[in-house]
Amino acid sequence: MTYQLWLTADADVRCSHRLGRSPQQASQTWLTVNGRPVLVAPDPVGRSIAGCPNIGVSIKPCTSSLAIRSGESSFVRIDGHPVVRADLSGYTDGTPPGQVTYDVLDAAQELVGEQP
């Protein structure tokens, strides 16, 4: 099995075009790694995406993250919400609908994780 790091508020989450970055914000402050709060579901959902290069006639760039498809812990929960892991993935609102995803380039910590 692959070991998946937990995401902190500093995680580098991007659309699949790789230039659109989605800054994260943690909804909880109880659990931290290196002083940075750990993300829980649904923290990555509804975040803005800036800098997506997917622009053109009848093409909508990625501007927002949609529901999480994978990457939620099935073991660790904080206040009833699953911790978000580095194997996070979900769709964006970019075109074509239901095909453009977001995922993690960097979890922003290398100390804590789990096996999915």
PDB file of N, CA and C in Angstrom:
ATOM      1  N   MET A   1       0.821  -1.191   0.000  1.00  0.00           N
ATOM      2  CA  MET A   1       0.000   0.000   0.000  1.00  0.00           C
ATOM      3  C   MET A   1       0.860   1.247   0.000  1.00  0.00           C
ATOM      4  N   THR A   2       0.301   2.311  -0.525  1.00  0.00           N
ATOM      5  CA  THR A   2       0.990   3.581  -0.594  1.00  0.00           C
ATOM      6  C   THR A   2       0.661   4.423   0.628  1.00  0.00           C
ATOM      7  N   TYR A   3       1.684   5.026   1.179  1.00  0.00           N
ATOM      8  CA  TYR A   3       1.530   5.916   2.316  1.00  0.00           C
ATOM      9  C   TYR A   3       1.137   7.293   1.797  1.00  0.00           C
ATOM     10  N   GLN A   4       0.032   7.863   2.283  1.00  0.00           N
ATOM     11  CA  GLN A   4      -0.459   9.165   1.829  1.00  0.00           C
ATOM     12  C   GLN A   4      -0.365  10.192   2.953  1.00  0.00           C
ATOM     13  N   LEU A   5       0.347  11.269   2.690  1.00  0.00           N
ATOM     14  CA  LEU A   5       0.483  12.351   3.661  1.00  0.00           C
ATOM     15  C   LEU A   5      -0.833  13.094   3.833  1.00  0.00           C
ATOM     16  N   TRP A   6      -1.031  13.665   5.004  1.00  0.00           N
ATOM     17  CA  TRP A   6      -2.175  14.528   5.235  1.00  0.00           C
ATOM     18  C   TRP A   6      -1.860  15.911   4.697  1.00  0.00           C
ATOM     19  N   LEU A   7      -2.886  16.619   4.242  1.00  0.00           N
ATOM     20  CA  LEU A   7      -2.699  17.966   3.713  1.00  0.00           C
ATOM     21  C   LEU A   7      -2.810  19.000   4.827  1.00  0.00           C
ATOM     22  N   THR A   8      -1.981  20.044   4.738  1.00  0.00           N
ATOM     23  CA  THR A   8      -2.124  21.181   5.631  1.00  0.00           C
ATOM     24  C   THR A   8      -2.678  22.349   4.819  1.00  0.00           C
ATOM     25  N   ALA A   9      -2.950  23.435   5.501  1.00  0.00           N
ATOM     26  CA  ALA A   9      -3.498  24.624   4.843  1.00  0.00           C
ATOM     27  C   ALA A   9      -2.549  25.192   3.790  1.00  0.00           C
ATOM     28  N   ASP A  10      -1.276  24.809   3.826  1.00  0.00           N
ATOM     29  CA  ASP A  10      -0.300  25.278   2.849  1.00  0.00           C
ATOM     30  C   ASP A  10      -0.170  24.363   1.639  1.00  0.00           C
ATOM     31  N   ALA A  11      -0.996  23.339   1.545  1.00  0.00           N
ATOM     32  CA  ALA A  11      -0.902  22.366   0.450  1.00  0.00           C
ATOM     33  C   ALA A  11      -1.029  23.047  -0.913  1.00  0.00           C
ATOM     34  N   ASP A  12      -0.293  22.517  -1.874  1.00  0.00           N
ATOM     35  CA  ASP A  12      -0.334  23.024  -3.248  1.00  0.00           C
ATOM     36  C   ASP A  12      -1.322  22.161  -4.043  1.00  0.00           C
ATOM     37  N   VAL A  13      -2.535  22.671  -4.200  1.00  0.00           N
ATOM     38  CA  VAL A  13      -3.605  21.973  -4.920  1.00  0.00           C
ATOM     39  C   VAL A  13      -3.834  22.717  -6.227  1.00  0.00           C
ATOM     40  N   ARG A  14      -3.821  21.978  -7.348  1.00  0.00           N
ATOM     41  CA  ARG A  14      -3.933  22.618  -8.666  1.00  0.00           C
ATOM     42  C   ARG A  14      -4.881  21.857  -9.575  1.00  0.00           C
ATOM     43  N   CYS A  15      -5.394  22.593 -10.556  1.00  0.00           N
ATOM     44  CA  CYS A  15      -6.208  21.942 -11.586  1.00  0.00           C
ATOM     45  C   CYS A  15      -5.282  21.112 -12.467  1.00  0.00           C
ATOM     46  N   SER A  16      -5.850  20.211 -13.248  1.00  0.00           N
ATOM     47  CA  SER A  16      -5.042  19.307 -14.057  1.00  0.00           C
ATOM     48  C   SER A  16      -4.266  20.011 -15.162  1.00  0.00           C
ATOM     49  N   HIS A  17      -4.526  21.297 -15.374  1.00  0.00           N
ATOM     50  CA  HIS A  17      -3.737  22.065 -16.339  1.00  0.00           C
ATOM     51  C   HIS A  17      -2.422  22.533 -15.718  1.00  0.00           C
ATOM     52  N   ARG A  18      -2.246  22.308 -14.420  1.00  0.00           N
ATOM     53  CA  ARG A  18      -1.053  22.523 -13.623  1.00  0.00           C
ATOM     54  C   ARG A  18      -0.666  23.966 -13.325  1.00  0.00           C
ATOM     55  N   LEU A  19      -1.281  24.944 -13.975  1.00  0.00           N
ATOM     56  CA  LEU A  19      -0.959  26.330 -13.661  1.00  0.00           C
ATOM     57  C   LEU A  19      -2.016  26.974 -12.776  1.00  0.00           C
ATOM     58  N   GLY A  20      -3.216  26.398 -12.739  1.00  0.00           N
ATOM     59  CA  GLY A  20      -4.295  26.936 -11.910  1.00  0.00           C
ATOM     60  C   GLY A  20      -4.154  26.461 -10.486  1.00  0.00           C
ATOM     61  N   ARG A  21      -3.852  27.369  -9.582  1.00  0.00           N
ATOM     62  CA  ARG A  21      -3.625  27.016  -8.180  1.00  0.00           C
ATOM     63  C   ARG A  21      -4.833  27.352  -7.325  1.00  0.00           C
ATOM     64  N   SER A  22      -5.131  26.455  -6.377  1.00  0.00           N
ATOM     65  CA  SER A  22      -6.272  26.612  -5.486  1.00  0.00           C
ATOM     66  C   SER A  22      -5.792  26.749  -4.041  1.00  0.00           C
ATOM     67  N   PRO A  23      -5.678  27.976  -3.531  1.00  0.00           N
ATOM     68  CA  PRO A  23      -5.253  28.165  -2.143  1.00  0.00           C
ATOM     69  C   PRO A  23      -6.237  27.504  -1.179  1.00  0.00           C
ATOM     70  N   GLN A  24      -5.706  26.874  -0.156  1.00  0.00           N
ATOM     71  CA  GLN A  24      -6.536  26.139   0.794  1.00  0.00           C
ATOM     72  C   GLN A  24      -6.686  26.907   2.101  1.00  0.00           C
ATOM     73  N   GLN A  25      -7.757  26.595   2.808  1.00  0.00           N
ATOM     74  CA  GLN A  25      -8.008  27.181   4.113  1.00  0.00           C
ATOM     75  C   GLN A  25      -8.618  26.093   4.989  1.00  0.00           C
ATOM     76  N   ALA A  26      -8.040  25.900   6.148  1.00  0.00           N
ATOM     77  CA  ALA A  26      -8.527  24.862   7.065  1.00  0.00           C
ATOM     78  C   ALA A  26      -9.714  25.374   7.873  1.00  0.00           C
ATOM     79  N   SER A  27     -10.695  24.516   8.062  1.00  0.00           N
ATOM     80  CA  SER A  27     -11.872  24.878   8.848  1.00  0.00           C
ATOM     81  C   SER A  27     -11.703  24.527  10.325  1.00  0.00           C
ATOM     82  N   GLN A  28     -10.601  23.855  10.655  1.00  0.00           N
ATOM     83  CA  GLN A  28     -10.348  23.490  12.039  1.00  0.00           C
ATOM     84  C   GLN A  28      -8.927  23.887  12.409  1.00  0.00           C
ATOM     85  N   THR A  29      -8.686  24.082  13.694  1.00  0.00           N
ATOM     86  CA  THR A  29      -7.341  24.438  14.159  1.00  0.00           C
ATOM     87  C   THR A  29      -6.876  23.527  15.287  1.00  0.00           C
ATOM     88  N   TRP A  30      -7.636  22.480  15.572  1.00  0.00           N
ATOM     89  CA  TRP A  30      -7.299  21.573  16.670  1.00  0.00           C
ATOM     90  C   TRP A  30      -6.068  20.736  16.367  1.00  0.00           C
ATOM     91  N   LEU A  31      -5.985  20.240  15.135  1.00  0.00           N
ATOM     92  CA  LEU A  31      -4.887  19.375  14.743  1.00  0.00           C
ATOM     93  C   LEU A  31      -3.983  20.111  13.765  1.00  0.00           C
ATOM     94  N   THR A  32      -2.704  20.197  14.125  1.00  0.00           N
ATOM     95  CA  THR A  32      -1.737  20.868  13.258  1.00  0.00           C
ATOM     96  C   THR A  32      -0.530  19.970  13.036  1.00  0.00           C
ATOM     97  N   VAL A  33       0.190  20.245  11.947  1.00  0.00           N
ATOM     98  CA  VAL A  33       1.479  19.620  11.673  1.00  0.00           C
ATOM     99  C   VAL A  33       2.441  20.767  11.392  1.00  0.00           C
ATOM    100  N   ASN A  34       3.524  20.822  12.137  1.00  0.00           N
ATOM    101  CA  ASN A  34       4.477  21.936  12.023  1.00  0.00           C
ATOM    102  C   ASN A  34       3.786  23.289  12.199  1.00  0.00           C
ATOM    103  N   GLY A  35       2.768  23.337  13.055  1.00  0.00           N
ATOM    104  CA  GLY A  35       2.072  24.576  13.335  1.00  0.00           C
ATOM    105  C   GLY A  35       1.032  24.994  12.302  1.00  0.00           C
ATOM    106  N   ARG A  36       0.830  24.187  11.277  1.00  0.00           N
ATOM    107  CA  ARG A  36      -0.144  24.492  10.220  1.00  0.00           C
ATOM    108  C   ARG A  36      -1.334  23.554  10.355  1.00  0.00           C
ATOM    109  N   PRO A  37      -2.573  24.073  10.309  1.00  0.00           N
ATOM    110  CA  PRO A  37      -3.755  23.227  10.475  1.00  0.00           C
ATOM    111  C   PRO A  37      -3.896  22.194   9.352  1.00  0.00           C
ATOM    112  N   VAL A  38      -4.344  21.016   9.740  1.00  0.00           N
ATOM    113  CA  VAL A  38      -4.602  19.924   8.804  1.00  0.00           C
ATOM    114  C   VAL A  38      -5.974  20.146   8.157  1.00  0.00           C
ATOM    115  N   LEU A  39      -6.071  19.853   6.859  1.00  0.00           N
ATOM    116  CA  LEU A  39      -7.351  19.989   6.154  1.00  0.00           C
ATOM    117  C   LEU A  39      -8.260  18.808   6.447  1.00  0.00           C
ATOM    118  N   VAL A  40      -9.547  19.085   6.556  1.00  0.00           N
ATOM    119  CA  VAL A  40     -10.573  18.048   6.682  1.00  0.00           C
ATOM    120  C   VAL A  40     -11.618  18.301   5.596  1.00  0.00           C
ATOM    121  N   ALA A  41     -12.372  17.260   5.289  1.00  0.00           N
ATOM    122  CA  ALA A  41     -13.457  17.428   4.306  1.00  0.00           C
ATOM    123  C   ALA A  41     -14.530  18.298   4.937  1.00  0.00           C
ATOM    124  N   PRO A  42     -15.097  19.211   4.232  1.00  0.00           N
ATOM    125  CA  PRO A  42     -14.966  19.526   2.812  1.00  0.00           C
ATOM    126  C   PRO A  42     -14.059  20.742   2.533  1.00  0.00           C
ATOM    127  N   ASP A  43     -12.967  20.934   3.290  1.00  0.00           N
ATOM    128  CA  ASP A  43     -12.127  22.122   3.106  1.00  0.00           C
ATOM    129  C   ASP A  43     -11.731  22.396   1.647  1.00  0.00           C
ATOM    130  N   PRO A  44     -11.331  21.404   0.848  1.00  0.00           N
ATOM    131  CA  PRO A  44     -10.905  21.703  -0.528  1.00  0.00           C
ATOM    132  C   PRO A  44     -12.042  22.049  -1.496  1.00  0.00           C
ATOM    133  N   VAL A  45     -13.284  21.877  -1.082  1.00  0.00           N
ATOM    134  CA  VAL A  45     -14.430  22.091  -1.970  1.00  0.00           C
ATOM    135  C   VAL A  45     -14.831  23.567  -1.991  1.00  0.00           C
ATOM    136  N   GLY A  46     -15.114  24.069  -3.189  1.00  0.00           N
ATOM    137  CA  GLY A  46     -15.565  25.444  -3.338  1.00  0.00           C
ATOM    138  C   GLY A  46     -14.457  26.469  -3.250  1.00  0.00           C
ATOM    139  N   ARG A  47     -13.224  26.033  -3.342  1.00  0.00           N
ATOM    140  CA  ARG A  47     -12.086  26.958  -3.308  1.00  0.00           C
ATOM    141  C   ARG A  47     -11.866  27.552  -4.691  1.00  0.00           C
ATOM    142  N   SER A  48     -11.417  28.780  -4.712  1.00  0.00           N
ATOM    143  CA  SER A  48     -11.134  29.429  -5.990  1.00  0.00           C
ATOM    144  C   SER A  48      -9.894  28.805  -6.618  1.00  0.00           C
ATOM    145  N   ILE A  49      -9.830  28.868  -7.929  1.00  0.00           N
ATOM    146  CA  ILE A  49      -8.658  28.421  -8.688  1.00  0.00           C
ATOM    147  C   ILE A  49      -8.232  29.611  -9.534  1.00  0.00           C
ATOM    148  N   ALA A  50      -6.981  30.025  -9.386  1.00  0.00           N
ATOM    149  CA  ALA A  50      -6.480  31.177 -10.135  1.00  0.00           C
ATOM    150  C   ALA A  50      -5.349  30.747 -11.058  1.00  0.00           C
ATOM    151  N   GLY A  51      -5.337  31.320 -12.249  1.00  0.00           N
ATOM    152  CA  GLY A  51      -4.230  31.103 -13.167  1.00  0.00           C
ATOM    153  C   GLY A  51      -4.392  29.951 -14.133  1.00  0.00           C
ATOM    154  N   CYS A  52      -5.573  29.378 -14.242  1.00  0.00           N
ATOM    155  CA  CYS A  52      -5.778  28.275 -15.179  1.00  0.00           C
ATOM    156  C   CYS A  52      -5.598  28.790 -16.612  1.00  0.00           C
ATOM    157  N   PRO A  53      -4.750  28.114 -17.403  1.00  0.00           N
ATOM    158  CA  PRO A  53      -4.489  28.565 -18.769  1.00  0.00           C
ATOM    159  C   PRO A  53      -5.508  28.061 -19.793  1.00  0.00           C
ATOM    160  N   ASN A  54      -6.490  27.301 -19.354  1.00  0.00           N
ATOM    161  CA  ASN A  54      -7.473  26.702 -20.264  1.00  0.00           C
ATOM    162  C   ASN A  54      -8.505  27.765 -20.677  1.00  0.00           C
ATOM    163  N   ILE A  55      -8.091  28.650 -21.580  1.00  0.00           N
ATOM    164  CA  ILE A  55      -8.922  29.787 -21.977  1.00  0.00           C
ATOM    165  C   ILE A  55      -9.066  29.796 -23.494  1.00  0.00           C
ATOM    166  N   GLY A  56     -10.251  30.093 -23.965  1.00  0.00           N
ATOM    167  CA  GLY A  56     -10.486  30.189 -25.397  1.00  0.00           C
ATOM    168  C   GLY A  56     -11.959  30.347 -25.694  1.00  0.00           C
ATOM    169  N   VAL A  57     -12.283  30.395 -26.984  1.00  0.00           N
ATOM    170  CA  VAL A  57     -13.670  30.504 -27.413  1.00  0.00           C
ATOM    171  C   VAL A  57     -14.410  29.251 -26.953  1.00  0.00           C
ATOM    172  N   SER A  58     -15.491  29.424 -26.253  1.00  0.00           N
ATOM    173  CA  SER A  58     -16.346  28.370 -25.688  1.00  0.00           C
ATOM    174  C   SER A  58     -15.600  27.429 -24.738  1.00  0.00           C
ATOM    175  N   ILE A  59     -14.482  27.903 -24.181  1.00  0.00           N
ATOM    176  CA  ILE A  59     -13.735  27.122 -23.186  1.00  0.00           C
ATOM    177  C   ILE A  59     -13.741  27.901 -21.879  1.00  0.00           C
ATOM    178  N   LYS A  60     -14.192  27.249 -20.818  1.00  0.00           N
ATOM    179  CA  LYS A  60     -14.221  27.887 -19.505  1.00  0.00           C
ATOM    180  C   LYS A  60     -13.005  27.433 -18.711  1.00  0.00           C
ATOM    181  N   PRO A  61     -12.189  28.359 -18.230  1.00  0.00           N
ATOM    182  CA  PRO A  61     -11.054  27.962 -17.392  1.00  0.00           C
ATOM    183  C   PRO A  61     -11.545  27.445 -16.032  1.00  0.00           C
ATOM    184  N   CYS A  62     -10.707  26.726 -15.353  1.00  0.00           N
ATOM    185  CA  CYS A  62     -11.021  26.254 -14.008  1.00  0.00           C
ATOM    186  C   CYS A  62     -10.979  27.451 -13.057  1.00  0.00           C
ATOM    187  N   THR A  63     -12.074  27.691 -12.362  1.00  0.00           N
ATOM    188  CA  THR A  63     -12.130  28.798 -11.403  1.00  0.00           C
ATOM    189  C   THR A  63     -12.560  28.351 -10.011  1.00  0.00           C
ATOM    190  N   SER A  64     -13.028  27.098  -9.876  1.00  0.00           N
ATOM    191  CA  SER A  64     -13.505  26.622  -8.585  1.00  0.00           C
ATOM    192  C   SER A  64     -13.381  25.103  -8.493  1.00  0.00           C
ATOM    193  N   SER A  65     -13.111  24.618  -7.287  1.00  0.00           N
ATOM    194  CA  SER A  65     -13.049  23.175  -7.042  1.00  0.00           C
ATOM    195  C   SER A  65     -14.435  22.669  -6.647  1.00  0.00           C
ATOM    196  N   LEU A  66     -14.779  21.503  -7.162  1.00  0.00           N
ATOM    197  CA  LEU A  66     -16.074  20.883  -6.858  1.00  0.00           C
ATOM    198  C   LEU A  66     -15.873  19.749  -5.854  1.00  0.00           C
ATOM    199  N   ALA A  67     -16.835  18.874  -5.717  1.00  0.00           N
ATOM    200  CA  ALA A  67     -16.829  17.811  -4.701  1.00  0.00           C
ATOM    201  C   ALA A  67     -15.579  16.930  -4.759  1.00  0.00           C
ATOM    202  N   ILE A  68     -15.174  16.455  -3.595  1.00  0.00           N
ATOM    203  CA  ILE A  68     -14.051  15.527  -3.473  1.00  0.00           C
ATOM    204  C   ILE A  68     -14.467  14.164  -4.017  1.00  0.00           C
ATOM    205  N   ARG A  69     -13.638  13.585  -4.874  1.00  0.00           N
ATOM    206  CA  ARG A  69     -13.888  12.241  -5.408  1.00  0.00           C
ATOM    207  C   ARG A  69     -13.102  11.195  -4.639  1.00  0.00           C
ATOM    208  N   SER A  70     -11.873  11.530  -4.233  1.00  0.00           N
ATOM    209  CA  SER A  70     -11.044  10.601  -3.470  1.00  0.00           C
ATOM    210  C   SER A  70     -10.074  11.392  -2.613  1.00  0.00           C
ATOM    211  N   GLY A  71      -9.525  10.740  -1.602  1.00  0.00           N
ATOM    212  CA  GLY A  71      -8.540  11.377  -0.752  1.00  0.00           C
ATOM    213  C   GLY A  71      -8.997  11.711   0.650  1.00  0.00           C
ATOM    214  N   GLU A  72     -10.167  11.220   1.033  1.00  0.00           N
ATOM    215  CA  GLU A  72     -10.637  11.417   2.404  1.00  0.00           C
ATOM    216  C   GLU A  72     -10.245  10.199   3.239  1.00  0.00           C
ATOM    217  N   SER A  73      -9.761  10.447   4.437  1.00  0.00           N
ATOM    218  CA  SER A  73      -9.394   9.361   5.327  1.00  0.00           C
ATOM    219  C   SER A  73     -10.633   8.566   5.737  1.00  0.00           C
ATOM    220  N   SER A  74     -10.509   7.253   5.709  1.00  0.00           N
ATOM    221  CA  SER A  74     -11.607   6.418   6.208  1.00  0.00           C
ATOM    222  C   SER A  74     -11.348   6.025   7.658  1.00  0.00           C
ATOM    223  N   PHE A  75     -10.218   6.490   8.199  1.00  0.00           N
ATOM    224  CA  PHE A  75      -9.825   6.100   9.547  1.00  0.00           C
ATOM    225  C   PHE A  75      -9.811   7.277  10.527  1.00  0.00           C
ATOM    226  N   VAL A  76      -9.238   8.409  10.131  1.00  0.00           N
ATOM    227  CA  VAL A  76      -9.060   9.539  11.046  1.00  0.00           C
ATOM    228  C   VAL A  76     -10.082  10.629  10.750  1.00  0.00           C
ATOM    229  N   ARG A  77     -10.768  11.070  11.813  1.00  0.00           N
ATOM    230  CA  ARG A  77     -11.755  12.146  11.711  1.00  0.00           C
ATOM    231  C   ARG A  77     -11.484  13.175  12.793  1.00  0.00           C
ATOM    232  N   ILE A  78     -11.752  14.420  12.440  1.00  0.00           N
ATOM    233  CA  ILE A  78     -11.651  15.517  13.401  1.00  0.00           C
ATOM    234  C   ILE A  78     -13.019  16.163  13.473  1.00  0.00           C
ATOM    235  N   ASP A  79     -13.613  16.139  14.649  1.00  0.00           N
ATOM    236  CA  ASP A  79     -14.952  16.683  14.849  1.00  0.00           C
ATOM    237  C   ASP A  79     -15.939  16.116  13.826  1.00  0.00           C
ATOM    238  N   GLY A  80     -15.780  14.833  13.516  1.00  0.00           N
ATOM    239  CA  GLY A  80     -16.682  14.141  12.601  1.00  0.00           C
ATOM    240  C   GLY A  80     -16.332  14.267  11.126  1.00  0.00           C
ATOM    241  N   HIS A  81     -15.292  15.018  10.788  1.00  0.00           N
ATOM    242  CA  HIS A  81     -14.906  15.230   9.390  1.00  0.00           C
ATOM    243  C   HIS A  81     -13.634  14.453   9.068  1.00  0.00           C
ATOM    244  N   PRO A  82     -13.604  13.734   7.941  1.00  0.00           N
ATOM    245  CA  PRO A  82     -12.400  12.989   7.595  1.00  0.00           C
ATOM    246  C   PRO A  82     -11.235  13.906   7.230  1.00  0.00           C
ATOM    247  N   VAL A  83     -10.040  13.519   7.650  1.00  0.00           N
ATOM    248  CA  VAL A  83      -8.818  14.225   7.274  1.00  0.00           C
ATOM    249  C   VAL A  83      -8.620  14.045   5.766  1.00  0.00           C
ATOM    250  N   VAL A  84      -8.055  15.056   5.102  1.00  0.00           N
ATOM    251  CA  VAL A  84      -7.809  15.003   3.659  1.00  0.00           C
ATOM    252  C   VAL A  84      -6.360  14.587   3.416  1.00  0.00           C
ATOM    253  N   ARG A  85      -6.192  13.591   2.543  1.00  0.00           N
ATOM    254  CA  ARG A  85      -4.874  13.040   2.224  1.00  0.00           C
ATOM    255  C   ARG A  85      -4.339  13.582   0.896  1.00  0.00           C
ATOM    256  N   ALA A  86      -3.067  13.302   0.638  1.00  0.00           N
ATOM    257  CA  ALA A  86      -2.392  13.777  -0.576  1.00  0.00           C
ATOM    258  C   ALA A  86      -2.880  13.089  -1.844  1.00  0.00           C
ATOM    259  N   ASP A  87      -3.688  12.051  -1.727  1.00  0.00           N
ATOM    260  CA  ASP A  87      -4.275  11.440  -2.929  1.00  0.00           C
ATOM    261  C   ASP A  87      -5.620  12.085  -3.270  1.00  0.00           C
ATOM    262  N   LEU A  88      -5.826  13.304  -2.748  1.00  0.00           N
ATOM    263  CA  LEU A  88      -7.030  14.092  -3.022  1.00  0.00           C
ATOM    264  C   LEU A  88      -7.239  14.270  -4.521  1.00  0.00           C
ATOM    265  N   SER A  89      -8.479  14.129  -4.944  1.00  0.00           N
ATOM    266  CA  SER A  89      -8.859  14.394  -6.329  1.00  0.00           C
ATOM    267  C   SER A  89     -10.330  14.769  -6.361  1.00  0.00           C
ATOM    268  N   GLY A  90     -10.663  15.642  -7.299  1.00  0.00           N
ATOM    269  CA  GLY A  90     -12.046  16.040  -7.517  1.00  0.00           C
ATOM    270  C   GLY A  90     -12.139  16.774  -8.838  1.00  0.00           C
ATOM    271  N   TYR A  91     -13.332  17.126  -9.236  1.00  0.00           N
ATOM    272  CA  TYR A  91     -13.520  17.853 -10.495  1.00  0.00           C
ATOM    273  C   TYR A  91     -13.471  19.354 -10.252  1.00  0.00           C
ATOM    274  N   THR A  92     -13.152  20.091 -11.322  1.00  0.00           N
ATOM    275  CA  THR A  92     -13.244  21.544 -11.290  1.00  0.00           C
ATOM    276  C   THR A  92     -14.463  21.955 -12.112  1.00  0.00           C
ATOM    277  N   ASP A  93     -14.731  23.252 -12.147  1.00  0.00           N
ATOM    278  CA  ASP A  93     -15.835  23.765 -12.956  1.00  0.00           C
ATOM    279  C   ASP A  93     -15.392  24.110 -14.379  1.00  0.00           C
ATOM    280  N   GLY A  94     -14.162  23.749 -14.751  1.00  0.00           N
ATOM    281  CA  GLY A  94     -13.661  24.023 -16.103  1.00  0.00           C
ATOM    282  C   GLY A  94     -14.271  23.104 -17.140  1.00  0.00           C
ATOM    283  N   THR A  95     -14.060  23.449 -18.410  1.00  0.00           N
ATOM    284  CA  THR A  95     -14.591  22.624 -19.500  1.00  0.00           C
ATOM    285  C   THR A  95     -13.497  21.721 -20.039  1.00  0.00           C
ATOM    286  N   PRO A  96     -13.907  20.539 -20.525  1.00  0.00           N
ATOM    287  CA  PRO A  96     -15.260  20.006 -20.574  1.00  0.00           C
ATOM    288  C   PRO A  96     -15.730  19.539 -19.194  1.00  0.00           C
ATOM    289  N   PRO A  97     -16.998  19.772 -18.878  1.00  0.00           N
ATOM    290  CA  PRO A  97     -17.538  19.407 -17.559  1.00  0.00           C
ATOM    291  C   PRO A  97     -17.339  17.923 -17.254  1.00  0.00           C
ATOM    292  N   GLY A  98     -16.988  17.651 -16.004  1.00  0.00           N
ATOM    293  CA  GLY A  98     -16.830  16.272 -15.565  1.00  0.00           C
ATOM    294  C   GLY A  98     -15.567  15.599 -16.071  1.00  0.00           C
ATOM    295  N   GLN A  99     -14.625  16.369 -16.607  1.00  0.00           N
ATOM    296  CA  GLN A  99     -13.379  15.767 -17.091  1.00  0.00           C
ATOM    297  C   GLN A  99     -12.136  16.442 -16.538  1.00  0.00           C
ATOM    298  N   VAL A 100     -12.242  17.700 -16.136  1.00  0.00           N
ATOM    299  CA  VAL A 100     -11.074  18.410 -15.616  1.00  0.00           C
ATOM    300  C   VAL A 100     -11.048  18.243 -14.097  1.00  0.00           C
ATOM    301  N   THR A 101      -9.907  17.820 -13.577  1.00  0.00           N
ATOM    302  CA  THR A 101      -9.800  17.517 -12.157  1.00  0.00           C
ATOM    303  C   THR A 101      -8.838  18.459 -11.452  1.00  0.00           C
ATOM    304  N   TYR A 102      -8.850  18.385 -10.120  1.00  0.00           N
ATOM    305  CA  TYR A 102      -7.822  19.014  -9.303  1.00  0.00           C
ATOM    306  C   TYR A 102      -7.172  17.925  -8.473  1.00  0.00           C
ATOM    307  N   ASP A 103      -5.911  18.115  -8.149  1.00  0.00           N
ATOM    308  CA  ASP A 103      -5.196  17.185  -7.291  1.00  0.00           C
ATOM    309  C   ASP A 103      -4.043  17.897  -6.605  1.00  0.00           C
ATOM    310  N   VAL A 104      -3.234  17.144  -5.881  1.00  0.00           N
ATOM    311  CA  VAL A 104      -2.211  17.714  -5.009  1.00  0.00           C
ATOM    312  C   VAL A 104      -0.822  17.603  -5.636  1.00  0.00           C
ATOM    313  N   LEU A 105      -0.097  18.716  -5.657  1.00  0.00           N
ATOM    314  CA  LEU A 105       1.309  18.689  -6.061  1.00  0.00           C
ATOM    315  C   LEU A 105       2.216  18.556  -4.842  1.00  0.00           C
ATOM    316  N   ASP A 106       1.789  19.147  -3.705  1.00  0.00           N
ATOM    317  CA  ASP A 106       2.610  19.106  -2.499  1.00  0.00           C
ATOM    318  C   ASP A 106       1.696  19.173  -1.278  1.00  0.00           C
ATOM    319  N   ALA A 107       1.845  18.222  -0.368  1.00  0.00           N
ATOM    320  CA  ALA A 107       1.027  18.182   0.846  1.00  0.00           C
ATOM    321  C   ALA A 107       1.422  19.247   1.856  1.00  0.00           C
ATOM    322  N   ALA A 108       2.589  19.869   1.675  1.00  0.00           N
ATOM    323  CA  ALA A 108       3.116  20.929   2.541  1.00  0.00           C
ATOM    324  C   ALA A 108       3.545  20.410   3.910  1.00  0.00           C
ATOM    325  N   GLN A 109       3.793  19.128   4.014  1.00  0.00           N
ATOM    326  CA  GLN A 109       4.389  18.537   5.215  1.00  0.00           C
ATOM    327  C   GLN A 109       4.817  17.117   4.857  1.00  0.00           C
ATOM    328  N   GLU A 110       5.790  16.585   5.602  1.00  0.00           N
ATOM    329  CA  GLU A 110       6.297  15.241   5.323  1.00  0.00           C
ATOM    330  C   GLU A 110       6.364  14.363   6.574  1.00  0.00           C
ATOM    331  N   LEU A 111       5.560  14.706   7.575  1.00  0.00           N
ATOM    332  CA  LEU A 111       5.652  14.000   8.859  1.00  0.00           C
ATOM    333  C   LEU A 111       4.506  13.030   9.120  1.00  0.00           C
ATOM    334  N   VAL A 112       3.278  13.388   8.733  1.00  0.00           N
ATOM    335  CA  VAL A 112       2.109  12.614   9.159  1.00  0.00           C
ATOM    336  C   VAL A 112       1.285  12.189   7.960  1.00  0.00           C
ATOM    337  N   GLY A 113       0.870  10.938   7.973  1.00  0.00           N
ATOM    338  CA  GLY A 113       0.021  10.413   6.911  1.00  0.00           C
ATOM    339  C   GLY A 113      -0.560   9.078   7.321  1.00  0.00           C
ATOM    340  N   GLU A 114      -1.063   8.368   6.339  1.00  0.00           N
ATOM    341  CA  GLU A 114      -1.675   7.062   6.612  1.00  0.00           C
ATOM    342  C   GLU A 114      -1.726   6.235   5.343  1.00  0.00           C
ATOM    343  N   GLN A 115      -1.985   4.975   5.525  1.00  0.00           N
ATOM    344  CA  GLN A 115      -2.203   4.103   4.368  1.00  0.00           C
ATOM    345  C   GLN A 115      -3.683   4.126   4.035  1.00  0.00           C
ATOM    346  N   PRO A 116      -4.016   4.409   2.765  1.00  0.00           N
ATOM    347  CA  PRO A 116      -5.438   4.457   2.391  1.00  0.00           C
ATOM    348  C   PRO A 116      -6.101   3.096   2.472  1.00  0.00           C
TER     349      PRO A 116
END
